[in-house]
Amino acid sequence: MSLASGYDRKVPTLSITNIVAIALLSGTPQLPPVVEPVIALETAGAPTAAPEQGTQATVPPSTDGPEVPSQSLDTQTPVGPVTPVAAEKAIIVVTANQGPPKGDPIAVVNEVSFGAVQSVDKAIIAPIAYGYRDGLPAPIRDGMHNVLNNLDEPVVFLNFLLQLKIGKAAETVGRFAINSTIGVAGLFDFAKKHPINLPRRSNGLADTLGYYGVGPGPYLFLPVFGSTTVRDLLGRVVDLSLLPAAVGKPFTNPIVSGTKGMLSSIDDRVENDVILTRVQESGNPYAAMREYYLMKRQAEIDVLKGKRSDANIDLNELEFLDSLPAPTNAPAKQPPAPKPQ
């Protein structure tokens, strides 16, 4: 009985000593962590954490003596913060490559062409246009502008016929006859003045195609033509070839046709200087030019269809104006006050 009672007293003493020693070896004694339920994680390519991680193993007291296990009883493995599936999905960001703008499938190529043309414009065309504007008296510039418009009247007349607008076609013939004779080959636009009152109207094959419902097609920016579309480019090429084909010499001479084209480009540059300056000052000049051109062309076709009275574009309605840089000395624009409910 004495041996049995001595053995009984020894076992609990050794078990407590073992537990204390193991606790000292494993670190500062602390309260056991609260075991939270394991939540499956949805992570790409990462295995689900085993249920044993984050728990502590319990070893029953040994009855064979004070043997210390070869490994720590604490099997907890640091795996970082555990994120529930809902939270993990909430921070996933899905990105996709945005395609080219609608109606501009080759925007990358067009932007390169636009940048090159803008560089040439700043270095060569704009200085020539400003010299032409500032160096010649206004009456001479106006006369040159009238001559170029008068040479385009046969194209305008033909396309009014194609659109079955007989009245406007007749007015165009009257303008051409009056300005070519009394107006000295078109130097003076007497036809638009009182009491004749025949204003000039622009027209071309591209307008005729648009009038009959042909869409503009993809937007293009070409070194010679500038902003255009597939429809407008086709119409412009036909319009330019009409006068040499119908009249012949001297317009079949490359020097004459080249001179006319150069003067038309300079005249257009002067006439459109305001809008070109606004475009160049915008935050995205290429997008601004594309937006203005497409809206202007649609307005011109809408005039032919009777949907509007003129093709004037309010620049303040264009989206690109929102990207204009604010003046450095101007206060920041305040948001509008909320409307009373």
Protein backbone atom coordinates (compact mmCIF):
# COMPACT_ATOMS: atom_id res chain seq x y z
CA MET A 1 0.00 0.00 0.00
CA SER A 2 2.84 2.38 0.78
CA LEU A 3 4.42 1.86 -2.62
CA ALA A 4 1.11 2.29 -4.36
CA SER A 5 0.33 5.43 -2.42
CA GLY A 6 3.84 6.79 -3.08
CA TYR A 7 3.45 6.11 -6.80
CA ASP A 8 0.09 7.79 -6.79
CA ARG A 9 1.59 10.90 -5.22
CA LYS A 10 4.54 11.00 -7.63
CA VAL A 11 2.61 10.90 -10.87
CA PRO A 12 0.74 14.19 -10.44
CA THR A 13 3.94 15.93 -9.26
CA LEU A 14 5.86 14.92 -12.38
CA SER A 15 2.98 15.77 -14.73
CA ILE A 16 2.68 19.33 -13.40
CA THR A 17 6.46 19.78 -13.64
CA ASN A 18 6.45 18.67 -17.25
CA ILE A 19 3.65 21.04 -18.16
CA VAL A 20 5.37 23.99 -16.41
CA ALA A 21 8.66 23.23 -18.16
CA ILE A 22 7.00 22.99 -21.55
CA ALA A 23 5.16 26.26 -20.97
CA LEU A 24 8.41 28.01 -20.04
CA LEU A 25 10.11 26.68 -23.15
CA SER A 26 7.28 27.74 -25.47
CA GLY A 27 7.07 31.34 -24.23
CA THR A 28 5.28 33.53 -21.73
CA PRO A 29 2.23 31.85 -20.31
CA GLN A 30 -0.93 33.37 -21.69
CA LEU A 31 -4.54 32.60 -22.08
CA PRO A 32 -5.30 30.19 -24.90
CA PRO A 33 -6.49 31.96 -28.06
CA VAL A 34 -10.14 31.95 -28.90
CA VAL A 35 -10.60 29.53 -31.74
CA GLU A 36 -12.81 31.07 -34.41
CA PRO A 37 -14.61 29.00 -37.04
CA VAL A 38 -12.50 28.27 -40.09
CA ILE A 39 -13.75 30.07 -43.22
CA ALA A 40 -12.80 28.79 -46.63
CA LEU A 41 -10.84 31.27 -48.74
CA GLU A 42 -11.25 31.78 -52.47
CA THR A 43 -7.78 32.61 -53.64
CA ALA A 44 -6.45 31.76 -57.05
CA GLY A 45 -3.92 28.94 -56.84
CA ALA A 46 -3.75 28.86 -53.02
CA PRO A 47 -4.82 25.70 -51.14
CA THR A 48 -7.46 25.96 -48.47
CA ALA A 49 -5.96 26.19 -44.97
CA ALA A 50 -6.02 22.89 -43.09
CA PRO A 51 -8.32 22.72 -40.09
CA GLU A 52 -5.35 21.90 -37.85
CA GLN A 53 -3.77 25.34 -38.38
CA GLY A 54 -4.61 27.92 -35.80
CA THR A 55 -5.41 25.23 -33.11
CA GLN A 56 -3.43 23.80 -30.21
CA ALA A 57 -2.89 20.07 -29.67
CA THR A 58 -3.62 18.60 -26.25
CA VAL A 59 -1.41 15.79 -24.92
CA PRO A 60 -2.64 13.71 -22.02
CA PRO A 61 -0.36 13.35 -19.04
CA SER A 62 2.24 10.62 -19.47
CA THR A 63 2.34 7.83 -16.95
CA ASP A 64 5.76 6.50 -18.00
CA GLY A 65 7.96 9.19 -16.53
CA PRO A 66 9.03 12.69 -17.29
CA GLU A 67 9.60 12.28 -21.06
CA VAL A 68 9.50 15.50 -22.99
CA PRO A 69 8.12 15.25 -26.56
CA SER A 70 10.59 15.92 -29.37
CA GLN A 71 8.40 18.64 -30.88
CA SER A 72 6.43 21.56 -29.50
CA LEU A 73 2.90 20.92 -28.47
CA ASP A 74 1.86 24.22 -30.07
CA THR A 75 1.22 23.42 -33.75
CA GLN A 76 -0.12 26.84 -34.69
CA THR A 77 1.33 28.06 -38.00
CA PRO A 78 1.30 31.79 -38.83
CA VAL A 79 -0.67 32.16 -42.03
CA GLY A 80 -1.41 35.91 -41.94
CA PRO A 81 -4.79 37.55 -41.57
CA VAL A 82 -7.74 35.43 -42.53
CA THR A 83 -10.13 37.21 -44.92
CA PRO A 84 -13.66 35.96 -45.44
CA VAL A 85 -14.77 35.14 -48.96
CA ALA A 86 -17.07 38.18 -49.19
CA ALA A 87 -14.32 40.59 -48.16
CA GLU A 88 -11.86 38.93 -50.51
CA LYS A 89 -14.23 39.37 -53.44
CA ALA A 90 -14.95 42.99 -52.51
CA ILE A 91 -11.36 44.06 -53.21
CA ILE A 92 -10.97 42.28 -56.54
CA VAL A 93 -10.47 44.80 -59.37
CA VAL A 94 -11.31 43.64 -62.87
CA THR A 95 -9.71 45.63 -65.68
CA ALA A 96 -10.16 45.35 -69.42
CA ASN A 97 -8.48 46.98 -72.38
CA GLN A 98 -10.67 49.75 -73.79
CA GLY A 99 -11.06 49.68 -77.52
CA PRO A 100 -10.74 52.66 -79.87
CA PRO A 101 -13.40 55.40 -79.72
CA LYS A 102 -16.63 54.75 -81.56
CA GLY A 103 -16.32 55.71 -85.20
CA ASP A 104 -12.53 55.96 -84.99
CA PRO A 105 -11.13 52.42 -85.33
CA ILE A 106 -7.62 53.55 -86.30
CA ALA A 107 -7.32 56.27 -83.69
CA VAL A 108 -3.70 55.33 -82.99
CA VAL A 109 -2.69 55.99 -86.60
CA ASN A 110 -4.84 59.11 -86.85
CA GLU A 111 -3.27 60.61 -83.72
CA VAL A 112 0.21 60.15 -85.17
CA SER A 113 -0.88 61.87 -88.38
CA PHE A 114 -2.58 64.62 -86.38
CA GLY A 115 0.56 65.27 -84.34
CA ALA A 116 2.72 65.47 -87.47
CA VAL A 117 0.29 67.86 -89.18
CA GLN A 118 0.11 70.06 -86.08
CA SER A 119 3.90 70.31 -86.03
CA VAL A 120 3.95 71.33 -89.70
CA ASP A 121 1.11 73.78 -89.08
CA LYS A 122 2.97 75.52 -86.24
CA ALA A 123 6.25 75.64 -88.15
CA ILE A 124 5.09 76.47 -91.70
CA ILE A 125 1.36 76.75 -92.46
CA ALA A 126 0.29 79.00 -89.59
CA PRO A 127 3.08 81.57 -90.16
CA ILE A 128 2.23 81.68 -93.89
CA ALA A 129 -1.49 82.03 -93.14
CA TYR A 130 -0.87 84.82 -90.61
CA GLY A 131 1.42 86.59 -93.08
CA TYR A 132 -1.27 86.28 -95.74
CA ARG A 133 -3.89 87.62 -93.35
CA ASP A 134 -1.83 90.48 -91.95
CA GLY A 135 0.17 91.34 -95.06
CA LEU A 136 -2.64 91.69 -97.58
CA PRO A 137 -5.39 94.30 -97.33
CA ALA A 138 -8.81 92.92 -96.42
CA PRO A 139 -10.40 93.75 -99.83
CA ILE A 140 -7.76 91.66 -101.63
CA ARG A 141 -8.20 88.74 -99.22
CA ASP A 142 -11.98 88.92 -99.61
CA GLY A 143 -11.63 89.00 -103.39
CA MET A 144 -9.43 85.90 -103.36
CA HIS A 145 -11.91 84.16 -101.09
CA ASN A 146 -14.76 85.04 -103.48
CA VAL A 147 -12.85 83.73 -106.52
CA LEU A 148 -12.20 80.37 -104.83
CA ASN A 149 -15.87 80.06 -103.84
CA ASN A 150 -16.99 80.98 -107.35
CA LEU A 151 -14.86 78.21 -108.85
CA ASP A 152 -16.70 75.72 -106.64
CA GLU A 153 -20.18 76.81 -107.75
CA PRO A 154 -20.44 74.19 -110.55
CA VAL A 155 -19.92 71.45 -107.94
CA VAL A 156 -22.59 73.02 -105.73
CA PHE A 157 -25.01 73.25 -108.66
CA LEU A 158 -24.55 69.62 -109.71
CA ASN A 159 -25.13 68.28 -106.20
CA PHE A 160 -28.29 70.33 -105.72
CA LEU A 161 -29.54 68.67 -108.90
CA LEU A 162 -28.64 65.24 -107.51
CA GLN A 163 -30.59 66.10 -104.35
CA LEU A 164 -33.58 67.16 -106.50
CA LYS A 165 -33.42 70.68 -105.06
CA ILE A 166 -34.17 72.40 -108.35
CA GLY A 167 -34.77 75.84 -106.84
CA LYS A 168 -31.42 75.96 -105.07
CA ALA A 169 -29.70 74.61 -108.17
CA ALA A 170 -31.20 77.49 -110.19
CA GLU A 171 -30.08 80.02 -107.58
CA THR A 172 -26.56 78.62 -107.76
CA VAL A 173 -26.50 79.08 -111.53
CA GLY A 174 -27.66 82.66 -111.05
CA ARG A 175 -24.94 83.34 -108.48
CA PHE A 176 -22.26 81.94 -110.75
CA ALA A 177 -23.43 83.95 -113.76
CA ILE A 178 -23.70 87.25 -111.87
CA ASN A 179 -20.40 86.97 -110.00
CA SER A 180 -18.49 85.68 -113.05
CA THR A 181 -19.58 88.69 -115.11
CA ILE A 182 -20.50 91.71 -113.03
CA GLY A 183 -18.34 90.47 -110.18
CA VAL A 184 -15.22 90.29 -112.39
CA ALA A 185 -14.59 86.54 -112.38
CA GLY A 186 -15.85 86.26 -108.85
CA LEU A 187 -13.71 88.94 -107.19
CA PHE A 188 -16.89 90.58 -105.91
CA ASP A 189 -19.87 88.71 -104.53
CA PHE A 190 -22.62 90.93 -105.88
CA ALA A 191 -25.12 88.07 -105.87
CA LYS A 192 -25.45 87.99 -102.09
CA LYS A 193 -26.10 91.72 -101.80
CA HIS A 194 -29.42 93.54 -101.94
CA PRO A 195 -31.56 93.43 -104.06
CA ILE A 196 -30.37 90.07 -105.51
CA ASN A 197 -30.01 88.30 -102.16
CA LEU A 198 -28.58 84.99 -103.33
CA PRO A 199 -26.39 83.73 -100.47
CA ARG A 200 -23.69 81.19 -101.11
CA ARG A 201 -24.40 77.61 -100.05
CA SER A 202 -21.75 74.93 -99.78
CA ASN A 203 -22.47 71.49 -101.21
CA GLY A 204 -20.62 68.46 -102.52
CA LEU A 205 -20.88 64.79 -103.30
CA ALA A 206 -20.25 63.85 -99.65
CA ASP A 207 -23.25 65.98 -98.69
CA THR A 208 -25.36 64.26 -101.33
CA LEU A 209 -24.36 60.83 -100.01
CA GLY A 210 -25.19 61.92 -96.46
CA TYR A 211 -28.49 63.40 -97.66
CA TYR A 212 -29.52 59.99 -98.97
CA GLY A 213 -28.54 58.24 -95.76
CA VAL A 214 -24.98 57.08 -96.40
CA GLY A 215 -23.12 57.06 -93.09
CA PRO A 216 -19.80 58.83 -92.64
CA GLY A 217 -17.82 55.67 -92.01
CA PRO A 218 -14.61 55.65 -89.97
CA TYR A 219 -13.01 58.97 -89.06
CA LEU A 220 -9.67 59.72 -90.70
CA PHE A 221 -7.03 62.38 -90.29
CA LEU A 222 -4.84 62.62 -93.38
CA PRO A 223 -1.85 64.86 -94.02
CA VAL A 224 -3.36 66.59 -97.09
CA PHE A 225 -7.08 66.50 -96.32
CA GLY A 226 -6.96 66.86 -92.54
CA SER A 227 -10.12 65.75 -90.74
CA THR A 228 -12.35 63.61 -92.92
CA THR A 229 -14.25 60.34 -93.10
CA VAL A 230 -14.36 57.58 -95.69
CA ARG A 231 -17.53 59.08 -97.19
CA ASP A 232 -16.20 62.64 -97.17
CA LEU A 233 -12.84 61.60 -98.61
CA LEU A 234 -14.51 59.85 -101.55
CA GLY A 235 -16.78 62.84 -102.18
CA ARG A 236 -13.90 65.30 -101.97
CA VAL A 237 -11.79 63.44 -104.49
CA VAL A 238 -14.68 63.43 -106.98
CA ASP A 239 -15.38 67.14 -106.37
CA LEU A 240 -11.75 68.08 -107.02
CA SER A 241 -11.71 66.18 -110.30
CA LEU A 242 -14.99 67.65 -111.57
CA LEU A 243 -13.75 71.11 -112.56
CA PRO A 244 -10.74 69.87 -114.59
CA ALA A 245 -12.92 67.22 -116.26
CA ALA A 246 -15.75 69.65 -117.11
CA VAL A 247 -13.77 72.77 -118.04
CA GLY A 248 -10.43 71.36 -119.10
CA LYS A 249 -7.61 73.86 -119.50
CA PRO A 250 -6.22 75.64 -117.60
CA PHE A 251 -7.45 73.53 -114.64
CA THR A 252 -5.87 70.37 -116.05
CA ASN A 253 -2.48 72.04 -115.64
CA PRO A 254 -0.86 70.70 -112.44
CA ILE A 255 0.58 74.14 -111.67
CA VAL A 256 -2.85 75.78 -111.85
CA SER A 257 -4.59 73.06 -109.85
CA GLY A 258 -1.77 73.01 -107.30
CA THR A 259 -1.88 76.79 -106.90
CA LYS A 260 -5.64 76.68 -106.42
CA GLY A 261 -5.28 73.95 -103.79
CA MET A 262 -2.56 75.89 -101.94
CA LEU A 263 -4.59 79.12 -101.91
CA SER A 264 -7.67 77.20 -100.73
CA SER A 265 -5.66 75.70 -97.85
CA ILE A 266 -4.34 79.09 -96.75
CA ASP A 267 -7.79 80.65 -97.08
CA ASP A 268 -9.35 77.85 -95.01
CA ARG A 269 -6.60 78.20 -92.39
CA VAL A 270 -7.37 81.90 -91.98
CA GLU A 271 -11.14 81.35 -91.96
CA ASN A 272 -10.92 78.62 -89.30
CA ASP A 273 -8.19 80.15 -87.15
CA VAL A 274 -10.51 80.67 -84.16
CA ILE A 275 -11.66 77.07 -83.93
CA LEU A 276 -8.16 75.72 -84.62
CA THR A 277 -6.76 77.83 -81.79
CA ARG A 278 -9.44 76.59 -79.41
CA VAL A 279 -8.71 73.02 -80.41
CA GLN A 280 -4.98 73.39 -79.85
CA GLU A 281 -5.60 74.85 -76.38
CA SER A 282 -7.83 71.98 -75.29
CA GLY A 283 -6.63 69.19 -73.05
CA ASN A 284 -7.02 66.64 -75.87
CA PRO A 285 -6.58 68.44 -79.21
CA TYR A 286 -7.05 65.33 -81.34
CA ALA A 287 -10.35 64.36 -79.71
CA ALA A 288 -11.46 68.00 -79.87
CA MET A 289 -10.82 68.22 -83.61
CA ARG A 290 -12.60 64.93 -84.25
CA GLU A 291 -15.63 65.98 -82.22
CA TYR A 292 -15.93 69.36 -83.90
CA TYR A 293 -15.52 68.01 -87.42
CA LEU A 294 -18.06 65.22 -87.05
CA MET A 295 -20.60 67.54 -85.41
CA LYS A 296 -20.08 70.21 -88.07
CA ARG A 297 -20.53 67.77 -90.94
CA GLN A 298 -23.67 66.32 -89.41
CA ALA A 299 -25.07 69.83 -88.99
CA GLU A 300 -24.44 70.60 -92.67
CA ILE A 301 -26.30 67.47 -93.74
CA ASP A 302 -29.13 68.26 -91.32
CA VAL A 303 -29.51 71.65 -93.02
CA LEU A 304 -30.00 69.89 -96.35
CA LYS A 305 -32.64 67.67 -94.77
CA GLY A 306 -34.45 70.68 -93.29
CA LYS A 307 -33.76 69.64 -89.69
CA ARG A 308 -32.06 72.94 -88.84
CA SER A 309 -31.73 76.38 -90.35
CA ASP A 310 -27.94 76.70 -90.33
CA ALA A 311 -24.83 74.65 -89.64
CA ASN A 312 -23.34 76.93 -86.99
CA ILE A 313 -21.89 75.06 -84.00
CA ASP A 314 -22.00 76.47 -80.48
CA LEU A 315 -18.51 75.74 -79.20
CA ASN A 316 -19.72 75.87 -75.60
CA GLU A 317 -21.76 72.73 -76.22
CA LEU A 318 -18.76 70.68 -77.25
CA GLU A 319 -17.37 68.24 -74.73
CA PHE A 320 -13.73 69.07 -75.43
CA LEU A 321 -14.15 72.56 -73.97
CA ASP A 322 -14.45 70.92 -70.53
CA SER A 323 -10.81 69.88 -70.88
CA LEU A 324 -9.51 73.38 -71.55
CA PRO A 325 -6.83 74.33 -69.01
CA ALA A 326 -8.09 76.89 -66.51
CA PRO A 327 -6.21 80.24 -66.38
CA THR A 328 -3.50 80.25 -63.71
CA ASN A 329 -4.86 83.41 -62.07
CA ALA A 330 -8.50 82.30 -62.16
CA PRO A 331 -10.16 80.91 -59.04
CA ALA A 332 -11.19 77.31 -59.00
CA LYS A 333 -14.60 76.69 -60.47
CA GLN A 334 -17.13 76.05 -57.73
CA PRO A 335 -19.74 73.33 -58.15
CA PRO A 336 -23.29 74.58 -58.68
CA ALA A 337 -25.45 74.95 -55.59
CA PRO A 338 -27.96 72.16 -55.10
CA LYS A 339 -31.49 72.95 -56.19
CA PRO A 340 -34.06 73.33 -53.38
CA GLN A 341 -36.26 70.31 -52.98
